[in-house]
Amino acid sequence: MYMRFLYLKINPEHQSLLAPFYNQMVIPELQNTEGCLFAGLVRSGKSISDYVSVTLWRSKEQAETYDQGKSYQKLMMQVRPYLSESSEWKIHLSENLELRLDSAAEEPVRRGYQVTAERTPADRDPVSPDDLYVRLVSLKIQTGKLEEFRKIYTEEIVPVLQNYKGCRYIYLSESLQEENEVVSITVWDSKRDAENYESSGKFGELVDKVKHTFSHFYQWKIELAKQHKGKLMTSDDMKVDYYQMVSGKRFE
């Protein structure tokens, strides 16, 4: 299975238009696209302008066929007016050879992940997509430790999450762009359920099971922080992001 993230930065003035557009245009198109299993739109809990379109596919090849097709290009043209302007300015020559500075729309960023572990319990009562809360934990793993991490995640972490109140879906995905980058994705029945999980200390216990597989850079930071009794930040730090589901539909 293949997971595709499309990161969008939306102009705040157009936020109310995005969900209807996704429901009326994007979901019907993807529902009729071969290989697409799910489409969902989530909004960041940290920035009101940041959204992600999350799609699940049977294979990477089917997702790439969609990306290269006319329907995807058409949808991108339709969503472009909703995008925020870039903070970067572009210099170009006008028709009368004068230099001009123009801002451009923030281009959506596409990232692909191979799903290597999945749990989607079938015995839970259905809930509205608007109630669902998505939690992403991004990690950098040591070279040579990915298989060990995957084994611990599948055999020790997934069973705990699967039986935790409110945890509906669990995915472990591995980046196809960044070597040794993994993302643990959990979908919760509500924001409260996710917050209860984090505040219970269970998240910390599960991290302890796998932190020895984290990148050498991260391990070095931990040791340095102990020596200097301070908090350090690195590019390999574990990153936790939160998203509220705005719209979503599973096709199979």
Protein backbone atom coordinates (compact mmCIF):
# COMPACT_ATOMS: atom_id res chain seq x y z
CA MET A 1 0.00 0.00 0.00
CA TYR A 2 1.16 3.54 -0.81
CA MET A 3 0.35 6.75 1.06
CA ARG A 4 0.52 10.15 -0.60
CA PHE A 5 0.57 13.52 1.17
CA LEU A 6 -0.16 16.75 -0.68
CA TYR A 7 0.73 19.74 1.51
CA LEU A 8 -1.32 22.89 0.86
CA LYS A 9 -0.95 26.39 2.29
CA ILE A 10 -4.33 28.09 1.98
CA ASN A 11 -5.15 31.78 1.99
CA PRO A 12 -7.18 32.36 5.21
CA GLU A 13 -9.80 34.25 3.20
CA HIS A 14 -10.54 31.09 1.20
CA GLN A 15 -10.48 28.46 3.95
CA SER A 16 -14.26 28.12 4.05
CA LEU A 17 -14.24 27.20 0.34
CA LEU A 18 -11.69 24.41 0.55
CA ALA A 19 -13.79 21.70 2.24
CA PRO A 20 -16.74 22.08 -0.19
CA PHE A 21 -14.30 21.97 -3.09
CA TYR A 22 -12.71 18.81 -1.72
CA ASN A 23 -16.10 17.15 -1.15
CA GLN A 24 -17.61 18.11 -4.48
CA MET A 25 -14.60 17.88 -6.79
CA VAL A 26 -11.68 15.94 -5.32
CA ILE A 27 -13.40 13.01 -3.60
CA PRO A 28 -15.67 12.11 -6.58
CA GLU A 29 -12.66 12.25 -8.92
CA LEU A 30 -10.52 10.03 -6.71
CA GLN A 31 -13.39 7.62 -6.08
CA ASN A 32 -13.43 6.93 -9.80
CA THR A 33 -9.62 6.65 -10.05
CA GLU A 34 -8.21 3.14 -10.25
CA GLY A 35 -6.23 2.14 -7.18
CA CYS A 36 -7.34 4.92 -4.83
CA LEU A 37 -8.62 3.47 -1.53
CA PHE A 38 -9.12 6.61 0.57
CA ALA A 39 -9.07 10.40 0.28
CA GLY A 40 -9.08 12.80 3.20
CA LEU A 41 -8.43 16.47 3.89
CA VAL A 42 -6.89 17.40 7.26
CA ARG A 43 -6.15 20.79 8.82
CA SER A 44 -3.04 21.44 10.91
CA GLY A 45 -3.46 22.01 14.64
CA LYS A 46 -0.47 24.38 14.58
CA SER A 47 -1.27 26.65 11.63
CA ILE A 48 -4.76 27.48 10.38
CA SER A 49 -3.41 27.89 6.85
CA ASP A 50 -1.80 24.45 6.55
CA TYR A 51 -3.78 21.55 5.09
CA VAL A 52 -2.86 18.12 3.80
CA SER A 53 -4.69 15.96 1.31
CA VAL A 54 -4.01 12.35 2.33
CA THR A 55 -4.69 9.53 -0.11
CA LEU A 56 -4.15 5.78 0.15
CA TRP A 57 -3.40 3.69 -2.93
CA ARG A 58 -2.97 0.03 -3.73
CA SER A 59 0.38 0.83 -5.34
CA LYS A 60 2.86 3.64 -5.95
CA GLU A 61 2.47 3.12 -9.72
CA GLN A 62 -1.28 3.85 -9.60
CA ALA A 63 -0.71 7.04 -7.59
CA GLU A 64 1.95 8.19 -10.05
CA THR A 65 -0.34 7.50 -12.98
CA TYR A 66 -2.93 9.75 -11.35
CA ASP A 67 -0.31 12.48 -10.67
CA GLN A 68 0.67 12.50 -14.34
CA GLY A 69 -2.91 12.51 -15.60
CA LYS A 70 -5.20 15.29 -16.77
CA SER A 71 -7.64 15.03 -13.85
CA TYR A 72 -4.94 15.83 -11.26
CA GLN A 73 -3.67 18.76 -13.32
CA LYS A 74 -7.21 20.07 -13.67
CA LEU A 75 -7.82 19.89 -9.91
CA MET A 76 -4.53 21.71 -9.28
CA MET A 77 -5.62 24.52 -11.59
CA GLN A 78 -8.94 24.77 -9.75
CA VAL A 79 -7.39 24.87 -6.27
CA ARG A 80 -4.68 27.38 -7.17
CA PRO A 81 -6.81 30.48 -6.44
CA TYR A 82 -7.22 29.25 -2.84
CA LEU A 83 -3.46 29.07 -2.16
CA SER A 84 -1.55 31.59 -0.04
CA GLU A 85 0.97 33.79 -1.73
CA SER A 86 4.57 32.78 -1.27
CA SER A 87 6.82 34.69 1.12
CA GLU A 88 9.43 34.55 -1.64
CA TRP A 89 9.45 37.17 -4.37
CA LYS A 90 10.19 36.42 -8.02
CA ILE A 91 12.15 38.83 -10.20
CA HIS A 92 11.27 39.01 -13.90
CA LEU A 93 11.25 41.38 -16.86
CA SER A 94 8.00 42.99 -17.92
CA GLU A 95 7.03 43.45 -21.58
CA ASN A 96 8.64 46.90 -21.62
CA LEU A 97 11.86 45.43 -20.14
CA GLU A 98 11.34 46.76 -16.61
CA LEU A 99 12.32 44.65 -13.63
CA ARG A 100 9.33 43.56 -11.58
CA LEU A 101 8.90 41.77 -8.27
CA ASP A 102 5.92 39.44 -7.99
CA SER A 103 4.83 37.02 -5.32
CA ALA A 104 3.57 33.61 -6.37
CA ALA A 105 1.16 31.12 -4.88
CA GLU A 106 2.66 28.60 -2.47
CA GLU A 107 3.08 25.51 -4.62
CA PRO A 108 1.70 22.29 -3.10
CA VAL A 109 4.37 19.82 -1.99
CA ARG A 110 3.87 16.12 -2.73
CA ARG A 111 5.44 13.35 -0.65
CA GLY A 112 5.07 9.60 -0.95
CA TYR A 113 5.37 6.84 1.65
CA GLN A 114 5.31 3.07 1.50
CA VAL A 115 2.95 1.66 4.14
CA THR A 116 4.74 -1.19 5.95
CA ALA A 117 2.32 -1.77 8.84
CA GLU A 118 -1.40 -1.18 9.09
CA ARG A 119 -4.24 -1.82 11.51
CA THR A 120 -7.79 -0.77 10.66
CA PRO A 121 -10.16 -2.34 13.21
CA ALA A 122 -13.48 -3.28 11.66
CA ASP A 123 -15.44 -3.60 14.90
CA ARG A 124 -15.66 0.09 15.81
CA ASP A 125 -18.82 2.14 15.36
CA PRO A 126 -18.62 4.63 12.47
CA VAL A 127 -18.00 8.29 13.32
CA SER A 128 -18.22 11.47 11.31
CA PRO A 129 -14.97 12.38 9.50
CA ASP A 130 -15.22 15.82 11.13
CA ASP A 131 -14.69 14.22 14.55
CA LEU A 132 -11.51 12.34 13.62
CA TYR A 133 -8.14 13.57 14.83
CA VAL A 134 -4.88 12.63 13.13
CA ARG A 135 -1.52 12.39 14.87
CA LEU A 136 1.75 12.11 12.90
CA VAL A 137 5.05 11.20 14.55
CA SER A 138 8.06 11.64 12.22
CA LEU A 139 11.34 9.89 13.03
CA LYS A 140 14.83 9.42 11.63
CA ILE A 141 16.16 5.87 12.07
CA GLN A 142 19.78 4.73 12.13
CA THR A 143 21.10 3.11 9.00
CA GLY A 144 20.77 -0.64 9.50
CA LYS A 145 18.14 -0.32 12.25
CA LEU A 146 15.02 0.12 10.13
CA GLU A 147 14.07 -3.57 10.12
CA GLU A 148 14.46 -3.73 13.92
CA PHE A 149 12.34 -0.62 14.35
CA ARG A 150 9.67 -2.03 12.04
CA LYS A 151 9.58 -5.32 13.99
CA ILE A 152 9.20 -3.60 17.39
CA TYR A 153 6.55 -1.25 16.01
CA THR A 154 4.53 -4.10 14.51
CA GLU A 155 4.85 -6.59 17.38
CA GLU A 156 4.91 -4.33 20.45
CA ILE A 157 3.56 -0.88 19.64
CA VAL A 158 0.65 -1.68 17.32
CA PRO A 159 -1.05 -4.05 19.83
CA VAL A 160 -0.95 -1.34 22.52
CA LEU A 161 -2.38 1.31 20.22
CA GLN A 162 -4.96 -1.07 18.80
CA ASN A 163 -6.44 -1.59 22.27
CA TYR A 164 -6.18 2.02 23.37
CA LYS A 165 -9.49 3.86 23.73
CA GLY A 166 -10.30 5.94 20.67
CA CYS A 167 -7.45 4.77 18.41
CA ARG A 168 -9.17 3.86 15.15
CA TYR A 169 -6.45 3.45 12.50
CA ILE A 170 -2.69 2.83 12.71
CA TYR A 171 -0.18 3.12 9.87
CA LEU A 172 3.59 2.92 9.74
CA SER A 173 4.88 4.52 6.55
CA GLU A 174 8.42 4.88 5.24
CA SER A 175 9.48 7.85 3.13
CA LEU A 176 10.42 7.28 -0.49
CA GLN A 177 12.21 10.65 -0.64
CA GLU A 178 14.21 10.75 2.61
CA GLU A 179 16.34 7.73 3.53
CA ASN A 180 15.49 6.15 6.92
CA GLU A 181 12.61 8.57 7.59
CA VAL A 182 9.44 6.96 8.97
CA VAL A 183 6.08 8.37 9.99
CA SER A 184 3.74 6.74 12.49
CA ILE A 185 0.17 7.80 11.71
CA THR A 186 -2.66 7.24 14.16
CA VAL A 187 -6.27 8.32 13.61
CA TRP A 188 -8.39 8.91 16.70
CA ASP A 189 -12.13 9.13 17.26
CA SER A 190 -11.65 12.57 18.83
CA LYS A 191 -9.05 15.11 19.87
CA ARG A 192 -9.78 14.26 23.51
CA ASP A 193 -8.89 10.59 22.97
CA ALA A 194 -5.54 11.55 21.41
CA GLU A 195 -4.76 14.01 24.20
CA ASN A 196 -5.67 11.43 26.86
CA TYR A 197 -3.23 9.00 25.24
CA GLU A 198 -0.41 11.53 25.25
CA SER A 199 -1.01 12.79 28.81
CA SER A 200 -1.25 9.23 30.20
CA GLY A 201 2.48 8.67 29.69
CA LYS A 202 1.85 5.71 27.39
CA PHE A 203 3.36 7.54 24.42
CA GLY A 204 6.61 8.00 26.33
CA GLU A 205 6.66 4.31 27.24
CA LEU A 206 6.28 3.31 23.60
CA VAL A 207 9.01 5.72 22.51
CA ASP A 208 11.35 4.11 25.05
CA LYS A 209 10.92 0.77 23.26
CA VAL A 210 12.38 2.11 20.01
CA LYS A 211 14.50 5.15 20.83
CA HIS A 212 17.71 3.08 20.63
CA THR A 213 17.02 2.80 16.87
CA PHE A 214 16.82 6.58 16.37
CA SER A 215 19.55 8.29 14.34
CA HIS A 216 23.08 8.66 15.71
CA PHE A 217 22.65 12.42 15.52
CA TYR A 218 19.61 12.17 17.81
CA GLN A 219 21.47 9.86 20.23
CA TRP A 220 24.36 12.35 20.37
CA LYS A 221 21.93 15.16 21.15
CA ILE A 222 20.41 13.21 24.06
CA GLU A 223 23.81 12.59 25.61
CA LEU A 224 24.87 16.21 25.12
CA ALA A 225 21.63 17.45 26.68
CA LYS A 226 22.27 15.28 29.75
CA GLN A 227 25.78 16.69 30.17
CA HIS A 228 24.71 20.31 29.80
CA LYS A 229 21.32 19.91 31.49
CA GLY A 230 19.59 21.78 28.71
CA LYS A 231 17.26 21.20 25.80
CA LEU A 232 18.79 20.97 22.34
CA MET A 233 17.11 20.84 18.95
CA THR A 234 18.40 18.99 15.88
CA SER A 235 17.12 18.23 12.39
CA ASP A 236 16.75 14.56 13.41
CA ASP A 237 14.47 15.19 16.39
CA MET A 238 11.24 13.25 16.72
CA LYS A 239 8.47 15.51 15.43
CA VAL A 240 4.81 15.29 16.46
CA ASP A 241 2.14 17.00 14.34
CA TYR A 242 -1.61 17.15 14.87
CA TYR A 243 -4.40 17.47 12.31
CA GLN A 244 -8.18 17.71 12.45
CA MET A 245 -10.01 15.75 9.77
CA VAL A 246 -12.04 18.14 7.62
CA SER A 247 -13.35 15.70 5.04
CA GLY A 248 -12.73 12.09 4.14
CA LYS A 249 -14.08 8.99 2.46
CA ARG A 250 -12.88 5.41 2.24
CA PHE A 251 -13.70 3.82 -1.12
CA GLU A 252 -12.97 0.18 -0.24
